C-alpha atoms as a PDB file:
ATOM      1  CA  MET A   1     188.164 129.713 -53.108  1.00  0.00           C
ATOM      2  CA  ARG A   2     191.165 127.624 -53.064  1.00  0.00           C
ATOM      3  CA  TRP A   3     191.220 124.139 -52.269  1.00  0.00           C
ATOM      4  CA  SER A   4     194.314 124.549 -49.868  1.00  0.00           C
ATOM      5  CA  ASP A   5     192.098 126.991 -47.589  1.00  0.00           C
ATOM      6  CA  ILE A   6     189.396 124.192 -47.932  1.00  0.00           C
ATOM      7  CA  VAL A   7     191.999 121.446 -46.666  1.00  0.00           C
ATOM      8  CA  GLU A   8     192.982 124.092 -43.876  1.00  0.00           C
ATOM      9  CA  PHE A   9     189.727 125.481 -42.576  1.00  0.00           C
ATOM     10  CA  VAL A  10     187.416 122.162 -42.262  1.00  0.00           C
ATOM     11  CA  PRO A  11     189.400 120.630 -39.706  1.00  0.00           C
ATOM     12  CA  ILE A  12     188.912 123.765 -37.091  1.00  0.00           C
ATOM     13  CA  LEU A  13     185.266 123.829 -38.509  1.00  0.00           C
ATOM     14  CA  LEU A  14     184.713 120.166 -37.621  1.00  0.00           C
ATOM     15  CA  GLN A  15     185.911 120.942 -33.938  1.00  0.00           C
ATOM     16  CA  GLY A  16     183.427 123.774 -34.129  1.00  0.00           C
ATOM     17  CA  ALA A  17     180.559 121.495 -35.478  1.00  0.00           C
ATOM     18  CA  GLY A  18     181.330 119.018 -32.443  1.00  0.00           C
ATOM     19  CA  MET A  19     180.651 121.600 -30.155  1.00  0.00           C
ATOM     20  CA  SER A  20     177.483 122.881 -31.735  1.00  0.00           C
ATOM     21  CA  ILE A  21     176.353 119.325 -31.631  1.00  0.00           C
ATOM     22  CA  PHE A  22     176.919 118.881 -27.904  1.00  0.00           C
ATOM     23  CA  ILE A  23     175.085 121.955 -27.379  1.00  0.00           C
ATOM     24  CA  THR A  24     172.304 120.895 -29.130  1.00  0.00           C
ATOM     25  CA  VAL A  25     172.114 117.333 -27.418  1.00  0.00           C
ATOM     26  CA  SER A  26     172.404 119.286 -24.164  1.00  0.00           C
ATOM     27  CA  CYS A  27     169.735 121.622 -24.929  1.00  0.00           C
ATOM     28  CA  LEU A  28     167.615 119.102 -25.933  1.00  0.00           C
ATOM     29  CA  ILE A  29     167.835 116.941 -22.698  1.00  0.00           C
ATOM     30  CA  LEU A  30     167.457 119.922 -20.774  1.00  0.00           C
ATOM     31  CA  SER A  31     164.561 121.358 -22.408  1.00  0.00           C
ATOM     32  CA  THR A  32     162.487 118.225 -22.569  1.00  0.00           C
ATOM     33  CA  ALA A  33     162.665 117.667 -18.905  1.00  0.00           C
ATOM     34  CA  LEU A  34     161.966 121.310 -18.241  1.00  0.00           C
ATOM     35  CA  GLY A  35     159.244 121.183 -20.931  1.00  0.00           C
ATOM     36  CA  LEU A  36     157.420 118.273 -19.597  1.00  0.00           C
ATOM     37  CA  VAL A  37     157.310 120.215 -15.805  1.00  0.00           C
ATOM     38  CA  TRP A  38     155.645 123.224 -17.131  1.00  0.00           C
ATOM     39  CA  ALA A  39     153.252 121.114 -19.286  1.00  0.00           C
ATOM     40  CA  LEU A  40     152.248 119.112 -16.391  1.00  0.00           C
ATOM     41  CA  LEU A  41     151.878 122.470 -14.477  1.00  0.00           C
ATOM     42  CA  LYS A  42     149.939 124.243 -17.086  1.00  0.00           C
ATOM     43  CA  MET A  43     147.438 121.244 -16.686  1.00  0.00           C
ATOM     44  CA  SER A  44     147.321 121.075 -13.129  1.00  0.00           C
ATOM     45  CA  ARG A  45     144.126 120.830 -11.195  1.00  0.00           C
ATOM     46  CA  HIS A  46     145.484 123.764  -9.012  1.00  0.00           C
ATOM     47  CA  ALA A  47     144.521 127.515 -10.426  1.00  0.00           C
ATOM     48  CA  PRO A  48     147.478 129.231  -9.125  1.00  0.00           C
ATOM     49  CA  LEU A  49     150.006 126.766 -10.666  1.00  0.00           C
ATOM     50  CA  ARG A  50     148.220 126.577 -14.061  1.00  0.00           C
ATOM     51  CA  ARG A  51     148.548 130.665 -13.897  1.00  0.00           C
ATOM     52  CA  ALA A  52     151.920 130.593 -12.934  1.00  0.00           C
ATOM     53  CA  ALA A  53     153.101 127.924 -15.976  1.00  0.00           C
ATOM     54  CA  THR A  54     151.162 130.141 -18.389  1.00  0.00           C
ATOM     55  CA  THR A  55     152.617 133.147 -17.262  1.00  0.00           C
ATOM     56  CA  LEU A  56     156.180 131.744 -17.278  1.00  0.00           C
ATOM     57  CA  ILE A  57     155.565 130.162 -20.830  1.00  0.00           C
ATOM     58  CA  ASN A  58     154.172 133.337 -22.433  1.00  0.00           C
ATOM     59  CA  VAL A  59     156.889 135.891 -20.841  1.00  0.00           C
ATOM     60  CA  VAL A  60     159.591 133.256 -21.990  1.00  0.00           C
ATOM     61  CA  ARG A  61     158.400 132.643 -25.774  1.00  0.00           C
ATOM     62  CA  GLY A  62     158.354 136.582 -25.849  1.00  0.00           C
ATOM     63  CA  LEU A  63     161.851 137.081 -25.607  1.00  0.00           C
ATOM     64  CA  PRO A  64     164.541 136.538 -28.210  1.00  0.00           C
ATOM     65  CA  MET A  65     166.905 133.521 -27.306  1.00  0.00           C
ATOM     66  CA  LEU A  66     169.754 136.081 -27.834  1.00  0.00           C
ATOM     67  CA  VAL A  67     168.430 138.063 -25.059  1.00  0.00           C
ATOM     68  CA  LEU A  68     168.001 135.080 -22.743  1.00  0.00           C
ATOM     69  CA  LEU A  69     171.496 134.046 -23.406  1.00  0.00           C
ATOM     70  CA  PHE A  70     172.695 137.473 -22.536  1.00  0.00           C
ATOM     71  CA  TYR A  71     170.741 137.837 -19.583  1.00  0.00           C
ATOM     72  CA  ILE A  72     172.195 134.888 -18.215  1.00  0.00           C
ATOM     73  CA  TYR A  73     175.642 135.219 -19.088  1.00  0.00           C
ATOM     74  CA  PHE A  74     176.018 138.833 -18.509  1.00  0.00           C
ATOM     75  CA  VAL A  75     173.165 139.706 -15.706  1.00  0.00           C
ATOM     76  CA  LEU A  76     173.317 136.701 -13.364  1.00  0.00           C
ATOM     77  CA  PRO A  77     177.026 136.977 -12.226  1.00  0.00           C
ATOM     78  CA  SER A  78     175.289 140.646 -10.479  1.00  0.00           C
ATOM     79  CA  ILE A  79     173.787 138.078  -8.302  1.00  0.00           C
ATOM     80  CA  HIS A  80     176.464 136.102  -7.572  1.00  0.00           C
ATOM     81  CA  ILE A  81     175.033 133.162 -10.255  1.00  0.00           C
ATOM     82  CA  GLN A  82     178.377 132.676 -12.315  1.00  0.00           C
ATOM     83  CA  LEU A  83     178.182 130.754 -15.318  1.00  0.00           C
ATOM     84  CA  SER A  84     180.809 129.660 -18.160  1.00  0.00           C
ATOM     85  CA  ALA A  85     180.120 130.988 -21.788  1.00  0.00           C
ATOM     86  CA  LEU A  86     179.337 127.321 -22.625  1.00  0.00           C
ATOM     87  CA  GLN A  87     177.036 126.382 -19.643  1.00  0.00           C
ATOM     88  CA  ALA A  88     175.258 129.792 -19.977  1.00  0.00           C
ATOM     89  CA  SER A  89     174.347 129.078 -23.722  1.00  0.00           C
ATOM     90  CA  ILE A  90     173.281 125.484 -22.819  1.00  0.00           C
ATOM     91  CA  VAL A  91     170.958 126.783 -20.034  1.00  0.00           C
ATOM     92  CA  GLY A  92     169.778 129.743 -22.178  1.00  0.00           C
ATOM     93  CA  LEU A  93     168.705 127.966 -25.144  1.00  0.00           C
ATOM     94  CA  ALA A  94     167.060 125.207 -23.142  1.00  0.00           C
ATOM     95  CA  PHE A  95     165.317 127.320 -20.910  1.00  0.00           C
ATOM     96  CA  GLY A  96     163.978 129.167 -24.084  1.00  0.00           C
ATOM     97  CA  TYR A  97     163.161 125.956 -25.999  1.00  0.00           C
ATOM     98  CA  SER A  98     161.706 124.330 -22.719  1.00  0.00           C
ATOM     99  CA  THR A  99     158.715 126.768 -23.202  1.00  0.00           C
ATOM    100  CA  TYR A 100     158.308 125.354 -26.594  1.00  0.00           C
ATOM    101  CA  VAL A 101     158.348 122.284 -25.880  1.00  0.00           C
ATOM    102  CA  ALA A 102     155.956 122.417 -23.182  1.00  0.00           C
ATOM    103  CA  GLU A 103     153.168 123.349 -25.658  1.00  0.00           C
ATOM    104  CA  ILE A 104     154.217 120.453 -27.728  1.00  0.00           C
ATOM    105  CA  ILE A 105     153.811 118.126 -24.979  1.00  0.00           C
ATOM    106  CA  ARG A 106     150.763 119.723 -23.796  1.00  0.00           C
ATOM    107  CA  SER A 107     149.241 119.267 -27.383  1.00  0.00           C
ATOM    108  CA  GLY A 108     150.086 115.758 -27.331  1.00  0.00           C
ATOM    109  CA  ILE A 109     148.602 115.059 -24.134  1.00  0.00           C
ATOM    110  CA  GLU A 110     145.313 116.800 -24.843  1.00  0.00           C
ATOM    111  CA  SER A 111     145.045 114.837 -28.133  1.00  0.00           C
ATOM    112  CA  VAL A 112     144.485 111.528 -26.059  1.00  0.00           C
ATOM    113  CA  ASP A 113     140.997 111.039 -25.866  1.00  0.00           C
ATOM    114  CA  GLN A 114     139.510 111.684 -22.422  1.00  0.00           C
ATOM    115  CA  GLY A 115     137.957 107.821 -22.546  1.00  0.00           C
ATOM    116  CA  GLN A 116     141.960 106.524 -22.208  1.00  0.00           C
ATOM    117  CA  TYR A 117     141.930 108.559 -18.772  1.00  0.00           C
ATOM    118  CA  GLU A 118     138.386 107.025 -17.535  1.00  0.00           C
ATOM    119  CA  ALA A 119     139.524 103.595 -18.470  1.00  0.00           C
ATOM    120  CA  ALA A 120     142.818 103.726 -16.879  1.00  0.00           C
ATOM    121  CA  GLN A 121     140.966 104.807 -13.724  1.00  0.00           C
ATOM    122  CA  SER A 122     138.479 102.401 -13.990  1.00  0.00           C
ATOM    123  CA  ILE A 123     141.088  99.277 -13.487  1.00  0.00           C
ATOM    124  CA  GLY A 124     142.551 101.365 -10.480  1.00  0.00           C
ATOM    125  CA  MET A 125     145.320 103.266 -12.115  1.00  0.00           C
ATOM    126  CA  GLY A 126     146.391 106.224 -10.110  1.00  0.00           C
ATOM    127  CA  ARG A 127     146.923 109.579 -11.695  1.00  0.00           C
ATOM    128  CA  ILE A 128     150.526 108.996 -12.073  1.00  0.00           C
ATOM    129  CA  LYS A 129     150.539 105.716 -13.441  1.00  0.00           C
ATOM    130  CA  THR A 130     147.786 106.787 -15.905  1.00  0.00           C
ATOM    131  CA  MET A 131     149.919 109.332 -17.409  1.00  0.00           C
ATOM    132  CA  THR A 132     153.466 107.504 -17.422  1.00  0.00           C
ATOM    133  CA  ARG A 133     151.836 104.105 -19.047  1.00  0.00           C
ATOM    134  CA  VAL A 134     148.699 105.341 -20.751  1.00  0.00           C
ATOM    135  CA  ILE A 135     148.849 109.147 -22.074  1.00  0.00           C
ATOM    136  CA  LEU A 136     152.513 109.628 -22.594  1.00  0.00           C
ATOM    137  CA  PRO A 137     153.176 106.767 -24.939  1.00  0.00           C
ATOM    138  CA  GLN A 138     150.132 108.058 -26.820  1.00  0.00           C
ATOM    139  CA  ALA A 139     150.930 111.384 -26.979  1.00  0.00           C
ATOM    140  CA  VAL A 140     154.617 111.073 -28.222  1.00  0.00           C
ATOM    141  CA  LYS A 141     153.332 109.945 -31.231  1.00  0.00           C
ATOM    142  CA  VAL A 142     151.679 113.176 -31.604  1.00  0.00           C
ATOM    143  CA  ALA A 143     154.502 115.058 -29.966  1.00  0.00           C
ATOM    144  CA  LEU A 144     157.200 113.739 -32.277  1.00  0.00           C
ATOM    145  CA  PRO A 145     156.950 115.668 -35.517  1.00  0.00           C
ATOM    146  CA  PRO A 146     156.997 119.148 -34.272  1.00  0.00           C
ATOM    147  CA  TYR A 147     159.479 118.103 -31.576  1.00  0.00           C
ATOM    148  CA  SER A 148     162.095 116.824 -34.218  1.00  0.00           C
ATOM    149  CA  ASN A 149     161.104 120.223 -36.092  1.00  0.00           C
ATOM    150  CA  THR A 150     162.084 122.057 -32.623  1.00  0.00           C
ATOM    151  CA  LEU A 151     165.455 119.914 -32.547  1.00  0.00           C
ATOM    152  CA  VAL A 152     166.517 121.297 -35.852  1.00  0.00           C
ATOM    153  CA  SER A 153     165.736 124.978 -34.500  1.00  0.00           C
ATOM    154  CA  MET A 154     167.885 124.266 -31.576  1.00  0.00           C
ATOM    155  CA  LEU A 155     171.076 123.213 -33.918  1.00  0.00           C
ATOM    156  CA  LYS A 156     170.663 126.668 -35.754  1.00  0.00           C
ATOM    157  CA  ASP A 157     169.936 128.688 -32.758  1.00  0.00           C
ATOM    158  CA  SER A 158     173.221 126.869 -31.214  1.00  0.00           C
ATOM    159  CA  SER A 159     175.032 129.319 -33.256  1.00  0.00           C
ATOM    160  CA  LEU A 160     173.914 132.143 -30.764  1.00  0.00           C
ATOM    161  CA  ALA A 161     176.512 130.988 -28.636  1.00  0.00           C
ATOM    162  CA  SER A 162     179.267 132.421 -30.546  1.00  0.00           C
ATOM    163  CA  THR A 163     177.689 135.851 -29.283  1.00  0.00           C
ATOM    164  CA  ILE A 164     178.850 134.615 -25.781  1.00  0.00           C
ATOM    165  CA  THR A 165     182.591 133.271 -27.212  1.00  0.00           C
ATOM    166  CA  VAL A 166     181.476 129.829 -27.144  1.00  0.00           C
ATOM    167  CA  SER A 167     184.158 128.213 -29.829  1.00  0.00           C
ATOM    168  CA  GLU A 168     181.099 126.521 -31.584  1.00  0.00           C
ATOM    169  CA  MET A 169     181.160 126.425 -35.666  1.00  0.00           C
ATOM    170  CA  THR A 170     180.186 129.713 -36.097  1.00  0.00           C
ATOM    171  CA  ARG A 171     182.390 131.587 -33.585  1.00  0.00           C
ATOM    172  CA  GLN A 172     185.336 129.272 -35.315  1.00  0.00           C
ATOM    173  CA  GLY A 173     184.384 130.307 -38.932  1.00  0.00           C
ATOM    174  CA  THR A 174     184.143 133.971 -37.800  1.00  0.00           C
ATOM    175  CA  LEU A 175     188.022 133.779 -36.135  1.00  0.00           C
ATOM    176  CA  ILE A 176     189.253 132.215 -39.449  1.00  0.00           C
ATOM    177  CA  ALA A 177     187.366 134.914 -41.452  1.00  0.00           C
ATOM    178  CA  ALA A 178     189.336 137.395 -39.258  1.00  0.00           C
ATOM    179  CA  ALA A 179     192.375 136.167 -39.714  1.00  0.00           C
ATOM    180  CA  THR A 180     192.534 135.258 -43.367  1.00  0.00           C
ATOM    181  CA  PHE A 181     189.836 137.613 -44.645  1.00  0.00           C
ATOM    182  CA  GLN A 182     188.818 134.389 -46.901  1.00  0.00           C
ATOM    183  CA  ASN A 183     184.740 135.513 -45.876  1.00  0.00           C
ATOM    184  CA  LEU A 184     183.694 133.763 -48.974  1.00  0.00           C
ATOM    185  CA  THR A 185     185.304 130.354 -48.517  1.00  0.00           C
ATOM    186  CA  VAL A 186     184.824 130.328 -44.212  1.00  0.00           C
ATOM    187  CA  TYR A 187     181.052 131.036 -44.368  1.00  0.00           C
ATOM    188  CA  THR A 188     180.216 128.794 -47.164  1.00  0.00           C
ATOM    189  CA  LEU A 189     182.127 126.010 -45.665  1.00  0.00           C
ATOM    190  CA  VAL A 190     180.027 126.942 -42.532  1.00  0.00           C
ATOM    191  CA  ALA A 191     176.483 127.047 -44.387  1.00  0.00           C
ATOM    192  CA  ILE A 192     177.622 123.538 -45.788  1.00  0.00           C
ATOM    193  CA  GLY A 193     178.075 122.534 -42.247  1.00  0.00           C
ATOM    194  CA  TYR A 194     175.063 123.634 -40.906  1.00  0.00           C
ATOM    195  CA  LEU A 195     173.055 122.147 -44.025  1.00  0.00           C
ATOM    196  CA  ALA A 196     175.013 118.862 -43.563  1.00  0.00           C
ATOM    197  CA  MET A 197     173.769 118.321 -40.022  1.00  0.00           C
ATOM    198  CA  SER A 198     170.270 119.927 -40.396  1.00  0.00           C
ATOM    199  CA  LEU A 199     169.075 118.278 -43.463  1.00  0.00           C
ATOM    200  CA  PRO A 200     169.047 114.566 -42.377  1.00  0.00           C
ATOM    201  CA  MET A 201     167.040 115.677 -39.417  1.00  0.00           C
ATOM    202  CA  MET A 202     164.681 117.511 -41.679  1.00  0.00           C
ATOM    203  CA  SER A 203     164.044 114.387 -43.689  1.00  0.00           C
ATOM    204  CA  VAL A 204     163.351 112.521 -40.277  1.00  0.00           C
ATOM    205  CA  THR A 205     160.721 115.319 -39.435  1.00  0.00           C
ATOM    206  CA  ARG A 206     158.847 114.770 -42.835  1.00  0.00           C
ATOM    207  CA  ALA A 207     159.148 110.815 -42.266  1.00  0.00           C
ATOM    208  CA  LEU A 208     157.778 111.351 -39.034  1.00  0.00           C
ATOM    209  CA  GLU A 209     154.966 113.642 -40.361  1.00  0.00           C
ATOM    210  CA  ARG A 210     154.083 111.173 -42.973  1.00  0.00           C
ATOM    211  CA  ARG A 211     153.858 108.373 -40.501  1.00  0.00           C
ATOM    212  CA  PHE A 212     151.930 110.142 -37.650  1.00  0.00           C
ATOM    213  CA  GLY A 213     150.121 113.252 -39.814  1.00  0.00           C
ATOM    214  CA  LYS A 214     150.720 116.528 -38.903  1.00  0.00           C
ATOM    215  CA  HIS A 215     149.706 118.031 -35.667  1.00  0.00           C
ATOM    216  CA  THR A 216     149.754 121.572 -34.674  1.00  0.00           C
ATOM    217  CA  VAL A 217     150.575 122.880 -31.263  1.00  0.00           C
ATOM    218  CA  LYS A 218     147.371 124.433 -29.488  1.00  0.00           C
END
């Protein structure tokens, strides 16, 4: 491992790290929105909606993330839905992780005491207002530790985007290694890069667990 190699490789890998962060943040936003929808559908009063949401969650969680990415990138064009590699990676990862986020949100909502619903309704709050003003703020405290842990997983799984040619950090490392044969140097730098991004988030997760207590998804 030579210092000159490190100096040459790091700027390229940093560009890839920026793409990894972009994919992770985009996935986080989209998966949270979708996860909230799936969670509310799974808790719906209407049995068909509950069954549909439960089936969707179980099916998607039973598939590897890599298969979801391949399906969206390679199969959807056959039915005239064309996405770029970056778009497919974000949509695929977000769709997959939305099912995990849904269970985290559902667990948080169900952890709120039933008396909170009854108290809110007794002062004239409707179902939507009760959910947004009373239930969700309390559910967030329960959901934060596992939610932040999921964010770490999203960051690590952003490396899967390299399989469909997205130039994130793993892809950039692979290209450098193929061109220079400096496998030890390149992949050590890639590993250090992921650790530099994930370890602070893991520290935040531990802090949240200490603050709010450890909760498991049902």
